[in-house]
């Protein structure tokens, strides 16, 4: 089963960061359930926003999870074509609430429209934890043979 390459590298964050010291209370634990898919969209006491120094690590963890979810798209493409291989450069804005907006995909090595549609749907549906500010992120995912 093809999967995203484990050495895809870190996600690149291009927006500025709010210093962690500007948020009251202790820093959120990366093992906190609010750091995963359950966090975004929830409001009220106990909702943690990721700020400052935690942003890079939380993005890295979430991009790994997104990569595993995207591998279902490449698995389906491999069933259609055994020699399937592709890279996807995703540029997206992650809003403060953890939703993906302004998604731009540049797909290389594949002319499989079902794969491209699947990648777009999975990326748009993915929910990140809440952040202190909107983030613009670029990440390259690699799938298939040789990756």
Protein backbone atom coordinates (compact mmCIF):
# COMPACT_ATOMS: atom_id res chain seq x y z
CA UNK A 1 0.00 0.00 0.00
CA UNK A 2 1.63 3.27 -1.04
CA UNK A 3 1.90 5.89 1.61
CA UNK A 4 3.15 9.39 1.79
CA UNK A 5 6.89 9.55 2.12
CA UNK A 6 7.93 9.88 5.79
CA UNK A 7 10.64 12.39 4.90
CA UNK A 8 8.38 14.95 3.26
CA UNK A 9 10.06 17.58 5.41
CA UNK A 10 8.51 20.14 7.68
CA UNK A 11 5.61 22.31 6.73
CA UNK A 12 6.57 25.86 5.98
CA UNK A 13 4.70 28.52 7.93
CA UNK A 14 4.82 31.91 6.30
CA UNK A 15 2.67 34.07 8.59
CA UNK A 16 4.05 35.81 11.67
CA UNK A 17 3.78 34.21 15.10
CA UNK A 18 2.32 35.58 18.30
CA UNK A 19 4.77 35.11 21.21
CA UNK A 20 3.66 32.35 23.56
CA UNK A 21 4.07 34.76 26.48
CA UNK A 22 1.16 36.81 25.12
CA UNK A 23 -1.30 34.04 25.97
CA UNK A 24 -2.24 33.56 29.60
CA UNK A 25 -1.92 30.22 31.36
CA UNK A 26 0.37 27.24 30.85
CA UNK A 27 1.51 26.16 27.40
CA UNK A 28 -0.73 23.46 25.88
CA UNK A 29 0.53 19.89 25.94
CA UNK A 30 1.09 18.36 22.52
CA UNK A 31 -0.68 15.25 23.89
CA UNK A 32 -3.77 17.28 24.76
CA UNK A 33 -6.86 16.06 22.86
CA UNK A 34 -7.48 19.67 21.83
CA UNK A 35 -4.31 19.47 19.72
CA UNK A 36 -5.90 16.93 17.37
CA UNK A 37 -9.02 16.65 15.29
CA UNK A 38 -11.36 17.24 18.24
CA UNK A 39 -10.20 20.79 18.98
CA UNK A 40 -11.35 23.10 16.19
CA UNK A 41 -14.75 24.66 16.28
CA UNK A 42 -15.20 24.21 20.02
CA UNK A 43 -15.65 27.28 22.17
CA UNK A 44 -15.67 28.04 25.83
CA UNK A 45 -13.46 27.15 28.80
CA UNK A 46 -10.73 24.64 28.14
CA UNK A 47 -10.29 25.45 24.45
CA UNK A 48 -6.59 25.87 23.81
CA UNK A 49 -5.12 28.02 21.06
CA UNK A 50 -1.71 27.08 19.72
CA UNK A 51 0.64 30.06 19.72
CA UNK A 52 4.31 30.95 19.56
CA UNK A 53 6.84 28.17 19.86
CA UNK A 54 4.22 25.39 19.76
CA UNK A 55 3.03 26.26 16.24
CA UNK A 56 5.82 24.47 14.35
CA UNK A 57 5.57 21.22 16.32
CA UNK A 58 1.76 21.13 16.17
CA UNK A 59 1.86 21.80 12.41
CA UNK A 60 4.41 19.00 11.95
CA UNK A 61 2.23 16.53 13.87
CA UNK A 62 -0.92 17.53 12.03
CA UNK A 63 0.76 17.43 8.61
CA UNK A 64 1.84 13.86 9.42
CA UNK A 65 -1.77 12.96 10.20
CA UNK A 66 -2.97 14.72 7.05
CA UNK A 67 -0.35 12.81 5.04
CA UNK A 68 -1.70 9.48 6.34
CA UNK A 69 -5.24 10.53 5.44
CA UNK A 70 -4.09 11.55 1.94
CA UNK A 71 -2.49 8.14 1.46
CA UNK A 72 -6.02 6.73 1.06
CA UNK A 73 -6.22 8.79 -2.14
CA UNK A 74 -2.97 7.32 -3.45
CA UNK A 75 -4.08 3.79 -2.51
CA UNK A 76 -7.17 4.19 -4.67
CA UNK A 77 -5.03 5.62 -7.50
CA UNK A 78 -2.65 2.66 -7.25
CA UNK A 79 -5.60 0.29 -7.64
CA UNK A 80 -6.41 2.09 -10.90
CA UNK A 81 -2.77 2.15 -12.05
CA UNK A 82 -0.08 -0.03 -10.43
CA UNK A 83 2.72 2.39 -11.38
CA UNK A 84 1.03 5.43 -9.85
CA UNK A 85 3.38 8.08 -8.48
CA UNK A 86 2.72 11.70 -7.66
CA UNK A 87 3.74 14.68 -5.61
CA UNK A 88 1.33 17.31 -4.35
CA UNK A 89 2.43 20.79 -3.35
CA UNK A 90 -0.32 22.14 -1.12
CA UNK A 91 -0.49 25.81 -0.20
CA UNK A 92 -3.26 26.65 2.23
CA UNK A 93 -4.41 29.15 4.77
CA UNK A 94 -5.30 27.59 8.10
CA UNK A 95 -7.73 29.92 9.85
CA UNK A 96 -7.61 30.68 13.57
CA UNK A 97 -10.47 28.20 14.01
CA UNK A 98 -8.42 25.38 12.43
CA UNK A 99 -10.23 25.22 9.10
CA UNK A 100 -8.42 25.04 5.76
CA UNK A 101 -9.20 27.88 3.37
CA UNK A 102 -7.63 29.20 0.18
CA UNK A 103 -6.33 25.75 -0.78
CA UNK A 104 -4.09 25.60 -3.83
CA UNK A 105 -2.77 22.25 -5.09
CA UNK A 106 -0.03 21.68 -7.62
CA UNK A 107 0.01 18.01 -8.58
CA UNK A 108 3.05 16.58 -10.33
CA UNK A 109 3.56 13.22 -12.01
CA UNK A 110 -0.12 12.31 -12.23
CA UNK A 111 -2.98 12.96 -14.58
CA UNK A 112 -5.46 11.13 -12.35
CA UNK A 113 -8.38 13.51 -11.82
CA UNK A 114 -9.97 11.22 -9.19
CA UNK A 115 -6.73 11.36 -7.16
CA UNK A 116 -6.61 15.16 -7.42
CA UNK A 117 -10.27 15.47 -6.39
CA UNK A 118 -9.72 13.12 -3.43
CA UNK A 119 -6.66 15.10 -2.25
CA UNK A 120 -8.62 18.35 -2.46
CA UNK A 121 -11.57 16.93 -0.50
CA UNK A 122 -9.38 15.40 2.23
CA UNK A 123 -7.30 18.57 2.65
CA UNK A 124 -10.37 20.84 2.80
CA UNK A 125 -12.08 18.57 5.34
CA UNK A 126 -9.07 18.30 7.65
CA UNK A 127 -9.41 20.19 10.93
CA UNK A 128 -6.39 21.61 12.68
CA UNK A 129 -6.39 22.81 16.29
CA UNK A 130 -7.17 26.45 16.98
CA UNK A 131 -4.32 28.91 16.42
CA UNK A 132 -3.77 32.46 17.68
CA UNK A 133 -3.73 33.72 14.11
CA UNK A 134 -4.34 32.57 10.54
CA UNK A 135 -1.39 30.69 9.06
CA UNK A 136 -0.28 30.31 5.46
CA UNK A 137 1.40 26.94 5.02
CA UNK A 138 3.10 25.16 2.11
CA UNK A 139 3.76 21.42 2.24
CA UNK A 140 4.81 18.89 -0.40
CA UNK A 141 3.44 15.34 -0.10
CA UNK A 142 4.89 12.44 -2.16
CA UNK A 143 3.00 9.27 -3.05
CA UNK A 144 3.55 6.03 -4.91
CA UNK A 145 6.56 4.20 -6.27
CA UNK A 146 9.95 5.59 -5.37
CA UNK A 147 8.63 7.81 -2.60
